[in-house]
N, C-alpha and C. Protein backbone atom coordinates (compact mmCIF):
# COMPACT_ATOMS: atom_id res chain seq x y z
N MET A 1 70.66 -122.87 -105.67
CA MET A 1 71.72 -122.00 -104.96
C MET A 1 73.15 -121.69 -105.46
N ASP A 2 73.75 -121.09 -105.77
CA ASP A 2 74.82 -121.06 -106.43
C ASP A 2 75.74 -120.38 -105.46
N THR A 3 77.01 -120.52 -105.81
CA THR A 3 78.28 -119.98 -104.87
C THR A 3 78.09 -118.41 -104.74
N GLY A 4 77.67 -117.69 -105.70
CA GLY A 4 77.72 -116.23 -105.66
C GLY A 4 76.56 -116.03 -104.76
N GLN A 5 75.38 -116.26 -104.67
CA GLN A 5 74.42 -116.19 -103.70
C GLN A 5 74.72 -116.65 -102.28
N LEU A 6 75.75 -117.73 -102.12
CA LEU A 6 75.80 -118.01 -101.03
C LEU A 6 77.10 -117.07 -100.30
N VAL A 7 77.88 -116.69 -101.21
CA VAL A 7 78.95 -115.87 -100.58
C VAL A 7 78.11 -114.35 -100.56
N LEU A 8 77.33 -114.05 -100.82
CA LEU A 8 76.39 -112.43 -100.85
C LEU A 8 75.61 -112.68 -99.87
N ILE A 9 75.61 -114.14 -99.28
CA ILE A 9 74.60 -114.01 -98.12
C ILE A 9 75.46 -114.15 -96.57
N ILE A 10 76.47 -114.86 -97.11
CA ILE A 10 77.42 -114.71 -95.95
C ILE A 10 78.12 -113.29 -95.66
N VAL A 11 78.49 -112.34 -96.86
CA VAL A 11 78.95 -111.23 -96.51
C VAL A 11 77.53 -110.08 -95.69
N VAL A 12 76.65 -110.83 -95.87
CA VAL A 12 75.31 -109.61 -95.68
C VAL A 12 75.46 -109.99 -94.23
N ALA A 13 75.80 -111.60 -93.89
CA ALA A 13 75.19 -111.92 -92.09
C ALA A 13 76.29 -111.26 -91.84
N VAL A 14 77.90 -111.17 -92.10
CA VAL A 14 78.75 -110.04 -91.39
C VAL A 14 78.65 -109.07 -91.11
N ILE A 15 77.93 -108.33 -92.64
CA ILE A 15 77.85 -107.01 -92.40
C ILE A 15 76.51 -106.77 -91.11
N VAL A 16 75.86 -107.49 -91.43
CA VAL A 16 74.77 -107.21 -90.36
C VAL A 16 75.25 -107.37 -88.79
N ILE A 17 76.22 -108.60 -88.81
CA ILE A 17 76.59 -109.20 -87.68
C ILE A 17 77.34 -108.10 -86.96
N ALA A 18 78.52 -107.36 -87.78
CA ALA A 18 79.37 -106.16 -87.58
C ALA A 18 78.40 -104.85 -87.01
N ALA A 19 77.53 -104.59 -87.97
CA ALA A 19 76.61 -103.52 -87.48
C ALA A 19 75.91 -103.52 -86.06
N VAL A 20 75.64 -105.18 -85.86
CA VAL A 20 74.87 -105.25 -84.63
C VAL A 20 75.96 -105.05 -83.61
N ILE A 21 76.89 -105.54 -83.71
CA ILE A 21 78.48 -105.20 -82.72
C ILE A 21 78.86 -103.62 -82.60
N ILE A 22 78.78 -103.08 -83.69
CA ILE A 22 79.00 -101.72 -83.68
C ILE A 22 78.13 -100.89 -82.78
N ALA A 23 76.75 -101.18 -83.04
CA ALA A 23 75.65 -100.76 -82.47
C ALA A 23 75.61 -100.98 -80.91
N VAL A 24 76.17 -102.14 -80.47
CA VAL A 24 76.07 -102.42 -79.01
C VAL A 24 77.21 -101.45 -78.78
N VAL A 25 78.64 -101.46 -78.70
CA VAL A 25 79.48 -100.85 -78.40
C VAL A 25 79.39 -99.25 -78.50
N VAL A 26 78.69 -99.20 -79.39
CA VAL A 26 78.47 -97.33 -79.10
C VAL A 26 77.34 -97.35 -78.40
N GLY A 27 76.19 -97.95 -78.15
CA GLY A 27 75.59 -97.88 -77.32
C GLY A 27 75.82 -97.83 -75.91
N ARG A 28 76.95 -99.15 -76.07
CA ARG A 28 77.39 -99.01 -74.33
C ARG A 28 78.23 -97.81 -74.01
N ARG A 29 79.15 -97.39 -74.80
CA ARG A 29 79.75 -96.19 -74.56
C ARG A 29 79.06 -94.78 -74.56
N LYS A 30 77.62 -94.34 -74.88
CA LYS A 30 77.43 -93.68 -75.02
C LYS A 30 76.61 -93.43 -73.12
N LYS A 31 76.26 -94.99 -73.13
CA LYS A 31 75.43 -95.18 -71.59
C LYS A 31 76.45 -94.83 -70.56
N THR A 32 77.36 -95.38 -70.62
CA THR A 32 78.92 -95.11 -70.08
C THR A 32 79.16 -93.56 -69.92
N GLU A 33 79.14 -92.87 -70.91
CA GLU A 33 79.20 -91.58 -70.58
C GLU A 33 77.93 -90.50 -70.37
N ALA A 34 77.10 -91.09 -70.37
CA ALA A 34 75.86 -90.76 -69.55
C ALA A 34 75.93 -91.25 -68.12
N ASN A 35 76.49 -92.54 -67.60
CA ASN A 35 76.33 -92.64 -66.33
C ASN A 35 77.60 -91.52 -65.83
N ARG A 36 78.78 -91.49 -66.34
CA ARG A 36 79.28 -90.58 -66.06
C ARG A 36 79.09 -89.55 -65.50
N ARG A 37 78.51 -88.32 -66.81
CA ARG A 37 77.80 -87.26 -66.41
C ARG A 37 77.06 -87.22 -65.17
N ARG A 38 75.77 -88.50 -64.81
CA ARG A 38 75.33 -88.57 -63.94
C ARG A 38 76.07 -88.53 -62.36
N ALA A 39 76.99 -89.42 -62.40
CA ALA A 39 78.11 -89.47 -61.65
C ALA A 39 78.26 -88.17 -61.09
N VAL A 40 78.94 -87.13 -62.04
CA VAL A 40 79.48 -86.09 -61.70
C VAL A 40 78.43 -84.91 -61.32
N ASP A 41 77.31 -85.12 -61.54
CA ASP A 41 76.14 -84.00 -60.94
C ASP A 41 75.61 -84.75 -59.54
N LEU A 42 75.80 -86.33 -59.56
CA LEU A 42 75.13 -86.28 -58.48
C LEU A 42 76.61 -86.15 -57.04
N ARG A 43 77.69 -85.98 -57.52
CA ARG A 43 78.90 -85.57 -56.81
C ARG A 43 78.81 -84.42 -56.50
N GLU A 44 78.33 -83.37 -57.67
CA GLU A 44 78.34 -81.95 -57.36
C GLU A 44 77.12 -81.92 -55.80
N LYS A 45 76.19 -82.56 -56.57
CA LYS A 45 74.88 -82.34 -55.44
C LYS A 45 75.59 -82.49 -53.84
N ALA A 46 76.24 -83.84 -54.00
CA ALA A 46 76.88 -84.33 -52.63
C ALA A 46 77.80 -83.71 -51.83
N ASP A 47 78.50 -82.67 -52.71
CA ASP A 47 79.33 -81.63 -51.95
C ASP A 47 78.51 -80.70 -51.66
N GLN A 48 77.46 -80.45 -52.39
CA GLN A 48 76.61 -78.80 -52.00
C GLN A 48 75.46 -79.36 -50.50
N GLU A 49 75.36 -80.50 -50.26
CA GLU A 49 74.54 -81.17 -49.22
C GLU A 49 75.80 -81.16 -48.11
N ALA A 50 76.92 -81.88 -48.68
CA ALA A 50 77.78 -81.73 -47.44
C ALA A 50 78.45 -80.12 -47.01
N VAL A 51 78.45 -79.17 -47.76
CA VAL A 51 78.42 -77.82 -47.17
C VAL A 51 77.18 -77.71 -46.60
N GLY A 52 76.09 -78.04 -46.94
CA GLY A 52 74.73 -77.84 -45.84
C GLY A 52 74.67 -78.21 -44.99
N ALA A 53 75.43 -80.18 -44.56
CA ALA A 53 75.10 -80.31 -43.30
C ALA A 53 76.32 -79.81 -42.48
N HIS A 54 77.60 -79.32 -42.95
CA HIS A 54 78.41 -78.88 -42.48
C HIS A 54 78.17 -77.78 -41.82
N GLN A 55 77.61 -76.61 -42.20
CA GLN A 55 76.73 -75.71 -41.84
C GLN A 55 75.82 -76.09 -40.68
N ALA A 56 75.02 -77.13 -40.99
CA ALA A 56 73.77 -77.54 -39.89
C ALA A 56 74.54 -77.85 -38.94
N LYS A 57 75.92 -78.92 -38.84
CA LYS A 57 76.37 -79.11 -37.78
C LYS A 57 77.34 -78.07 -36.82
N VAL A 58 77.75 -76.87 -37.50
CA VAL A 58 77.87 -75.51 -36.82
C VAL A 58 76.94 -74.80 -36.16
N GLU A 59 75.94 -74.78 -36.58
CA GLU A 59 74.79 -73.73 -36.16
C GLU A 59 74.53 -74.93 -35.26
N SER A 60 74.60 -76.38 -35.35
CA SER A 60 73.57 -77.25 -33.99
C SER A 60 75.05 -77.09 -32.96
N ALA A 61 76.18 -76.77 -33.10
CA ALA A 61 77.07 -76.50 -32.23
C ALA A 61 76.79 -75.46 -31.50
N GLN A 62 76.48 -74.51 -32.29
CA GLN A 62 76.70 -72.82 -31.50
C GLN A 62 75.08 -72.71 -30.74
N ALA A 63 74.06 -73.57 -31.06
CA ALA A 63 72.62 -73.77 -30.35
C ALA A 63 73.43 -74.37 -29.35
N GLU A 64 74.14 -75.20 -29.13
CA GLU A 64 74.26 -76.48 -27.90
C GLU A 64 75.44 -75.25 -27.34
N ALA A 65 76.30 -74.51 -27.33
CA ALA A 65 77.26 -73.67 -26.94
C ALA A 65 75.92 -72.76 -25.92
N ALA A 66 75.14 -72.22 -27.01
CA ALA A 66 74.06 -70.98 -26.44
C ALA A 66 73.38 -71.81 -25.32
N ALA A 67 72.71 -72.87 -25.48
CA ALA A 67 72.45 -73.55 -24.67
C ALA A 67 73.18 -74.05 -22.98
N VAL A 68 74.45 -74.51 -23.35
CA VAL A 68 75.20 -74.56 -22.21
C VAL A 68 75.17 -73.13 -21.64
N GLN A 69 75.57 -71.75 -22.49
CA GLN A 69 75.67 -71.03 -21.81
C GLN A 69 75.04 -70.13 -20.99
N ALA A 70 73.75 -70.42 -21.64
CA ALA A 70 72.13 -69.87 -20.73
C ALA A 70 71.98 -70.95 -19.36
N GLU A 71 72.29 -72.14 -19.83
CA GLU A 71 72.39 -73.01 -18.54
C GLU A 71 73.09 -72.19 -17.51
N ALA A 72 74.40 -72.00 -17.90
CA ALA A 72 75.05 -71.31 -16.91
C ALA A 72 74.53 -70.42 -16.11
N GLU A 73 74.20 -69.45 -17.17
CA GLU A 73 73.48 -68.25 -16.46
C GLU A 73 72.30 -68.51 -16.08
N ALA A 74 71.58 -69.36 -16.21
CA ALA A 74 70.40 -69.69 -15.27
C ALA A 74 70.97 -70.33 -14.09
N ASN A 75 72.02 -70.89 -14.14
CA ASN A 75 72.43 -71.61 -12.15
C ASN A 75 72.90 -70.24 -11.52
N ARG A 76 73.43 -69.39 -12.42
CA ARG A 76 74.31 -68.01 -11.96
C ARG A 76 73.42 -67.68 -11.08
N LEU A 77 72.32 -67.05 -12.05
CA LEU A 77 70.99 -66.06 -11.70
C LEU A 77 70.67 -67.19 -10.35
N ARG A 78 70.07 -68.24 -10.34
CA ARG A 78 69.55 -68.90 -9.60
C ARG A 78 70.38 -69.22 -8.25
N ARG A 79 71.76 -69.02 -8.08
CA ARG A 79 72.55 -68.90 -6.69
C ARG A 79 72.30 -67.50 -6.43
N GLU A 80 72.33 -66.66 -7.42
CA GLU A 80 72.11 -65.55 -6.89
C GLU A 80 70.91 -65.17 -6.15
N ALA A 81 70.05 -65.68 -6.62
CA ALA A 81 68.59 -65.51 -6.17
C ALA A 81 68.54 -66.10 -4.59
N GLU A 82 69.05 -67.27 -4.98
CA GLU A 82 69.03 -68.17 -3.29
C GLU A 82 69.88 -67.27 -2.01
N ARG A 83 71.10 -66.71 -2.95
CA ARG A 83 71.91 -65.92 -1.89
C ARG A 83 71.08 -64.86 -1.22
N HIS A 84 70.76 -64.02 -2.40
CA HIS A 84 69.51 -62.82 -1.78
C HIS A 84 68.47 -63.29 -0.89
N SER A 85 67.94 -64.51 -1.34
CA SER A 85 66.79 -64.90 -0.16
C SER A 85 67.33 -65.36 0.86
N ALA A 86 68.51 -65.52 0.94
CA ALA A 86 68.90 -66.16 2.48
C ALA A 86 69.45 -64.91 3.36
N GLN A 87 70.08 -63.78 2.28
CA GLN A 87 70.01 -62.51 2.82
C GLN A 87 68.76 -61.98 3.67
N ALA A 88 67.55 -62.30 2.58
CA ALA A 88 66.42 -61.45 3.38
C ALA A 88 66.72 -62.03 4.35
N LYS A 89 66.15 -63.50 4.56
CA LYS A 89 65.61 -64.05 5.86
C LYS A 89 66.36 -63.71 6.76
N GLU A 90 67.91 -63.89 6.87
CA GLU A 90 68.47 -63.47 7.92
C GLU A 90 68.44 -62.13 7.95
N ALA A 91 68.16 -61.21 7.38
CA ALA A 91 67.99 -59.72 7.82
C ALA A 91 66.60 -59.58 9.02
N SER A 92 65.40 -60.60 8.09
CA SER A 92 64.43 -60.46 8.51
C SER A 92 64.41 -61.52 9.95
N GLU A 93 64.99 -62.43 10.29
CA GLU A 93 65.47 -62.76 11.87
C GLU A 93 66.11 -61.87 12.36
N ARG A 94 66.93 -61.33 12.14
CA ARG A 94 67.36 -60.00 12.95
C ARG A 94 66.85 -59.09 12.71
N VAL A 95 65.40 -59.02 12.15
CA VAL A 95 64.70 -57.74 12.67
C VAL A 95 63.94 -58.83 13.57
N ASP A 96 63.15 -59.70 13.76
CA ASP A 96 62.61 -60.04 14.71
C ASP A 96 63.40 -60.61 15.85
N GLU A 97 64.58 -60.74 15.83
CA GLU A 97 65.18 -61.02 16.77
C GLU A 97 65.64 -59.60 17.75
N HIS A 98 65.66 -58.60 17.15
CA HIS A 98 65.42 -57.21 17.52
C HIS A 98 64.13 -56.76 18.02
N LEU A 99 63.10 -56.87 17.70
CA LEU A 99 61.71 -56.68 18.03
C LEU A 99 61.33 -57.41 19.32
N ARG A 100 62.18 -58.64 19.27
CA ARG A 100 61.48 -59.35 20.55
C ARG A 100 62.50 -59.12 21.75
N HIS A 101 63.72 -58.41 21.41
CA HIS A 101 64.99 -58.29 22.59
C HIS A 101 64.18 -56.79 22.96
N ALA A 102 63.34 -55.94 22.04
CA ALA A 102 63.03 -54.93 22.53
C ALA A 102 61.79 -54.71 23.30
N ASP A 103 60.93 -56.06 23.39
CA ASP A 103 59.90 -56.74 23.87
C ASP A 103 60.24 -56.78 25.42
N LYS A 104 61.47 -57.99 25.26
CA LYS A 104 61.75 -58.14 26.32
C LYS A 104 62.40 -57.09 27.28
N VAL A 105 62.72 -55.86 26.62
CA VAL A 105 63.44 -54.79 27.50
C VAL A 105 62.69 -53.95 28.12
N ASP A 106 61.29 -53.93 26.96
CA ASP A 106 60.20 -52.71 27.67
C ASP A 106 59.21 -53.24 28.51
N PRO A 107 59.08 -52.70 29.81
CA PRO A 107 58.56 -52.95 30.61
C PRO A 107 57.04 -53.01 30.55
N ASP A 108 56.62 -52.33 29.72
CA ASP A 108 55.15 -52.55 29.20
C ASP A 108 54.80 -53.38 27.94
N VAL A 109 55.68 -54.41 28.10
CA VAL A 109 55.35 -55.08 26.90
C VAL A 109 55.34 -56.74 27.95
N ARG A 110 54.01 -57.48 27.54
CA ARG A 110 54.50 -59.12 28.52
C ARG A 110 54.85 -59.60 27.25
N THR A 111 55.67 -60.61 27.88
CA THR A 111 56.02 -61.44 26.84
C THR A 111 56.56 -63.15 27.56
N THR A 112 56.40 -63.84 26.66
CA THR A 112 56.78 -65.61 26.96
C THR A 112 58.05 -65.45 27.57
N LYS A 113 58.54 -66.79 28.04
CA LYS A 113 59.91 -66.92 27.88
C LYS A 113 61.04 -66.70 26.58
N ASP A 114 60.25 -67.51 25.42
CA ASP A 114 60.78 -67.08 24.35
C ASP A 114 60.94 -65.75 24.15
N GLY A 115 60.52 -64.70 24.42
CA GLY A 115 60.61 -63.23 24.09
C GLY A 115 59.53 -63.03 23.17
N THR A 116 58.44 -63.73 22.74
CA THR A 116 57.50 -63.38 22.31
C THR A 116 56.32 -62.72 22.63
N ARG A 117 55.51 -61.54 22.09
CA ARG A 117 54.70 -60.89 22.78
C ARG A 117 53.24 -61.90 23.23
N THR A 118 52.97 -61.83 24.35
CA THR A 118 51.85 -62.87 24.55
C THR A 118 50.25 -62.40 24.04
N SER A 119 49.55 -63.30 23.63
CA SER A 119 48.35 -62.76 22.40
C SER A 119 47.92 -61.78 23.23
N GLU A 120 47.47 -61.60 24.41
CA GLU A 120 46.75 -60.58 25.03
C GLU A 120 47.56 -59.37 25.02
N GLN A 121 48.81 -58.95 24.93
CA GLN A 121 49.41 -58.07 24.58
C GLN A 121 49.26 -57.33 23.07
N ALA A 122 49.48 -58.47 22.48
CA ALA A 122 49.19 -58.02 21.03
C ALA A 122 48.00 -57.44 20.93
N ARG A 123 46.90 -57.90 21.42
CA ARG A 123 45.38 -57.02 21.41
C ARG A 123 45.95 -55.47 22.05
N THR A 124 46.24 -55.62 23.24
CA THR A 124 46.67 -54.25 23.86
C THR A 124 47.03 -53.71 23.29
N ASP A 125 48.11 -53.58 22.29
CA ASP A 125 49.05 -52.85 21.35
C ASP A 125 48.26 -52.30 20.46
N ASP A 126 47.58 -52.98 19.77
CA ASP A 126 46.57 -53.02 18.76
C ASP A 126 45.25 -51.93 19.41
N ASP A 127 45.23 -51.93 20.25
CA ASP A 127 44.05 -51.04 20.96
C ASP A 127 44.56 -49.65 20.90
N VAL A 128 46.11 -49.62 21.64
CA VAL A 128 46.80 -48.08 21.71
C VAL A 128 46.76 -47.77 20.63
N ARG A 129 47.36 -48.77 19.28
CA ARG A 129 47.60 -48.07 18.09
C ARG A 129 46.42 -47.25 17.25
N ALA A 130 45.18 -47.85 17.61
CA ALA A 130 44.00 -47.58 17.56
C ALA A 130 43.56 -45.89 18.39
N GLN A 131 43.72 -46.25 19.75
CA GLN A 131 43.84 -44.68 20.25
C GLN A 131 44.59 -43.50 19.93
N VAL A 132 45.84 -43.81 19.52
CA VAL A 132 46.75 -43.10 18.92
C VAL A 132 46.62 -42.16 17.67
N ALA A 133 45.92 -42.92 16.79
CA ALA A 133 45.68 -42.66 15.37
C ALA A 133 45.03 -41.56 15.24
N GLU A 134 45.22 -40.38 14.34
CA GLU A 134 44.49 -39.25 14.27
C GLU A 134 43.01 -39.46 14.04
N PRO A 135 42.33 -38.93 14.64
CA PRO A 135 40.70 -38.95 14.43
C PRO A 135 40.33 -38.66 13.08
N GLN A 136 39.22 -38.79 12.53
CA GLN A 136 39.02 -38.13 11.48
C GLN A 136 38.77 -36.61 11.21
N GLY A 137 38.75 -35.79 10.66
CA GLY A 137 38.43 -34.25 10.66
C GLY A 137 38.94 -33.46 11.73
N GLN A 138 39.81 -34.13 12.40
CA GLN A 138 40.76 -32.90 13.00
C GLN A 138 42.05 -32.81 12.69
N ARG A 139 42.50 -31.63 12.93
CA ARG A 139 44.12 -31.19 12.19
C ARG A 139 45.21 -30.76 12.96
N LEU A 140 46.49 -31.54 12.95
CA LEU A 140 47.68 -31.62 14.10
C LEU A 140 48.09 -30.41 13.56
N THR A 141 48.42 -29.38 14.79
CA THR A 141 49.56 -28.43 14.37
C THR A 141 50.45 -28.57 15.54
N ARG A 142 51.42 -27.47 15.29
CA ARG A 142 52.73 -27.50 15.85
C ARG A 142 52.56 -26.54 16.81
N ASP A 143 52.72 -27.09 18.31
CA ASP A 143 52.67 -26.18 19.11
C ASP A 143 54.54 -25.39 19.27
N ARG A 144 54.50 -24.04 19.66
CA ARG A 144 55.87 -23.61 19.31
C ARG A 144 56.64 -23.79 21.02
N THR A 145 55.71 -23.39 21.93
CA THR A 145 55.89 -23.80 23.06
C THR A 145 56.89 -25.32 23.29
N GLY A 146 56.49 -25.87 22.66
CA GLY A 146 56.85 -27.07 22.97
C GLY A 146 56.03 -28.08 24.04
N ARG A 147 55.07 -27.23 24.82
CA ARG A 147 54.27 -28.23 25.74
C ARG A 147 53.13 -29.16 25.30
N ASN A 148 52.86 -28.64 23.92
CA ASN A 148 51.52 -29.31 23.29
C ASN A 148 51.68 -30.13 21.68
N ALA A 149 53.10 -30.56 21.70
CA ALA A 149 53.49 -30.88 20.37
C ALA A 149 52.64 -32.02 19.66
N GLY A 150 51.84 -31.95 18.83
CA GLY A 150 51.25 -33.05 18.20
C GLY A 150 49.96 -32.90 18.79
N ILE A 151 49.40 -32.27 19.69
CA ILE A 151 48.33 -32.52 20.10
C ILE A 151 47.35 -31.66 19.25
N PRO A 152 45.86 -32.39 18.84
CA PRO A 152 45.18 -31.82 17.79
C PRO A 152 44.66 -30.37 18.77
N ASP A 153 43.95 -29.55 17.88
CA ASP A 153 43.12 -28.39 17.80
C ASP A 153 42.54 -28.19 19.50
N GLY A 154 42.51 -27.33 20.13
CA GLY A 154 41.36 -27.40 21.26
C GLY A 154 41.57 -28.41 22.12
N THR A 155 42.84 -29.33 22.22
CA THR A 155 43.05 -30.18 23.16
C THR A 155 44.13 -29.81 24.29
N ARG A 156 43.77 -30.01 25.64
CA ARG A 156 44.79 -29.49 26.63
C ARG A 156 46.08 -30.32 26.67
N HIS A 157 46.58 -30.30 27.76
CA HIS A 157 47.60 -30.89 27.65
C HIS A 157 47.33 -32.34 28.58
N ASP A 158 46.11 -32.55 29.09
CA ASP A 158 45.87 -33.97 29.65
C ASP A 158 45.02 -34.72 28.88
N GLY A 159 44.82 -34.15 27.40
CA GLY A 159 44.45 -34.74 26.15
C GLY A 159 43.17 -34.93 26.27
N ASN A 160 42.35 -33.66 26.73
CA ASN A 160 40.65 -33.37 27.10
C ASN A 160 40.95 -32.07 26.46
N VAL A 161 39.83 -32.12 25.64
CA VAL A 161 39.47 -31.00 24.79
C VAL A 161 38.89 -29.83 25.52
N ALA A 162 39.36 -28.58 25.54
CA ALA A 162 38.64 -27.68 26.31
C ALA A 162 37.38 -27.02 25.81
N GLU A 163 36.58 -26.88 26.63
CA GLU A 163 34.85 -26.78 26.06
C GLU A 163 35.09 -25.38 25.54
N GLY A 164 34.41 -25.00 24.14
CA GLY A 164 34.62 -23.32 23.30
C GLY A 164 35.76 -22.88 23.38
N THR A 165 36.77 -23.66 23.44
CA THR A 165 38.39 -23.11 23.06
C THR A 165 39.00 -23.98 21.83
N THR A 166 38.97 -23.30 20.77
CA THR A 166 40.00 -23.42 19.73
C THR A 166 41.47 -23.21 19.89
N ARG A 167 42.03 -24.21 19.18
CA ARG A 167 43.57 -24.19 19.00
C ARG A 167 43.97 -22.68 18.79
N GLU A 168 43.74 -22.17 17.68
CA GLU A 168 43.85 -20.72 17.49
C GLU A 168 43.83 -19.97 18.68
N GLU A 169 42.51 -19.94 19.22
CA GLU A 169 41.90 -19.08 20.46
C GLU A 169 43.05 -18.89 21.62
N SER A 170 43.58 -20.20 21.95
CA SER A 170 44.67 -20.34 22.73
C SER A 170 46.04 -19.81 22.93
N VAL A 171 46.19 -19.90 21.05
CA VAL A 171 47.54 -19.05 20.58
C VAL A 171 47.08 -17.60 20.84
N ARG A 172 46.20 -16.93 20.44
CA ARG A 172 45.75 -15.69 20.40
C ARG A 172 45.98 -15.28 21.85
N GLU A 173 45.73 -15.94 22.78
CA GLU A 173 45.76 -15.43 24.40
C GLU A 173 47.05 -15.37 24.90
N ARG A 174 47.61 -16.14 24.54
CA ARG A 174 49.31 -16.21 24.91
C ARG A 174 50.16 -15.38 24.74
N PRO A 175 51.19 -14.48 24.95
CA PRO A 175 52.23 -13.42 24.73
C PRO A 175 52.88 -13.75 23.46
N LEU A 176 52.85 -13.15 22.81
CA LEU A 176 54.22 -13.17 21.52
C LEU A 176 55.67 -13.22 22.03
N ARG A 177 56.59 -14.16 21.63
CA ARG A 177 58.21 -14.33 21.70
C ARG A 177 58.50 -14.18 20.80
N ASP A 178 60.01 -14.00 20.73
CA ASP A 178 60.54 -13.64 19.72
C ASP A 178 60.67 -15.18 18.87
N GLY A 179 60.72 -15.11 17.64
CA GLY A 179 60.47 -16.12 16.89
C GLY A 179 59.44 -16.75 16.40
N ASP A 180 58.24 -16.22 16.99
CA ASP A 180 57.07 -16.77 16.69
C ASP A 180 56.53 -15.49 15.20
N ARG A 181 55.99 -16.39 14.16
CA ARG A 181 55.66 -16.19 12.88
C ARG A 181 53.99 -15.59 12.84
N ASN A 182 53.29 -16.12 13.74
CA ASN A 182 51.92 -15.83 13.67
C ASN A 182 51.71 -15.10 14.65
N ALA A 183 51.46 -13.31 14.11
CA ALA A 183 50.95 -12.57 14.82
C ALA A 183 49.66 -12.34 14.66
C-alpha cells in the first residue's frame, strides 16, 4: 500500500464521516421543524378546546343559575301553597265555628257542651232532610197568594193532599186578582 492509496482511504473516510455528520444534522433539523409544526397544531387544538371548555363552563354556570332560580321559584310556590292551605284551614275552622254557634243558638238542635251535635241529633237532621226533599214526579209551583209557596200540586196548607183536587183546579176556583197572569 502506498501513500497515495492511504491518502485516498483517509480522504474517503473523512468524506463519509462528513456526509454522516451532515445527514445527522439535517435529520435533526427536519425532526425539530416537524416537532415545531406538531407543537403549533397541538396549541391550536388546545386553544379550540379551551374555547369549548370555556363555553361549557358558561353553560354550566347558566344551568346552575337556572337551577337556583327554579329552586327559589319552587320555594316561593311552596310558601304560597302553604299560605293558601293555612287560609283554607282557617276559613274551614271559621265555618265550623259558625255552624257550632248556630247549633248552640238553635233551640231545635241538641248539642254537647263543646257545641257539636249529638249523634242522635245528626240522625234526626238527616231524616228531616229526607222528608223535605222533593218527591219523585211531583212538580213545585209558585202560589201567587203567598199562602202555599213551594208546596207541591194538590197539597193543602197542612201538607196533606186534597183528594181529587189538583193545583190547577184550586187555582181556577179562586177569583182573579190584579197581577194574576193565568186567566
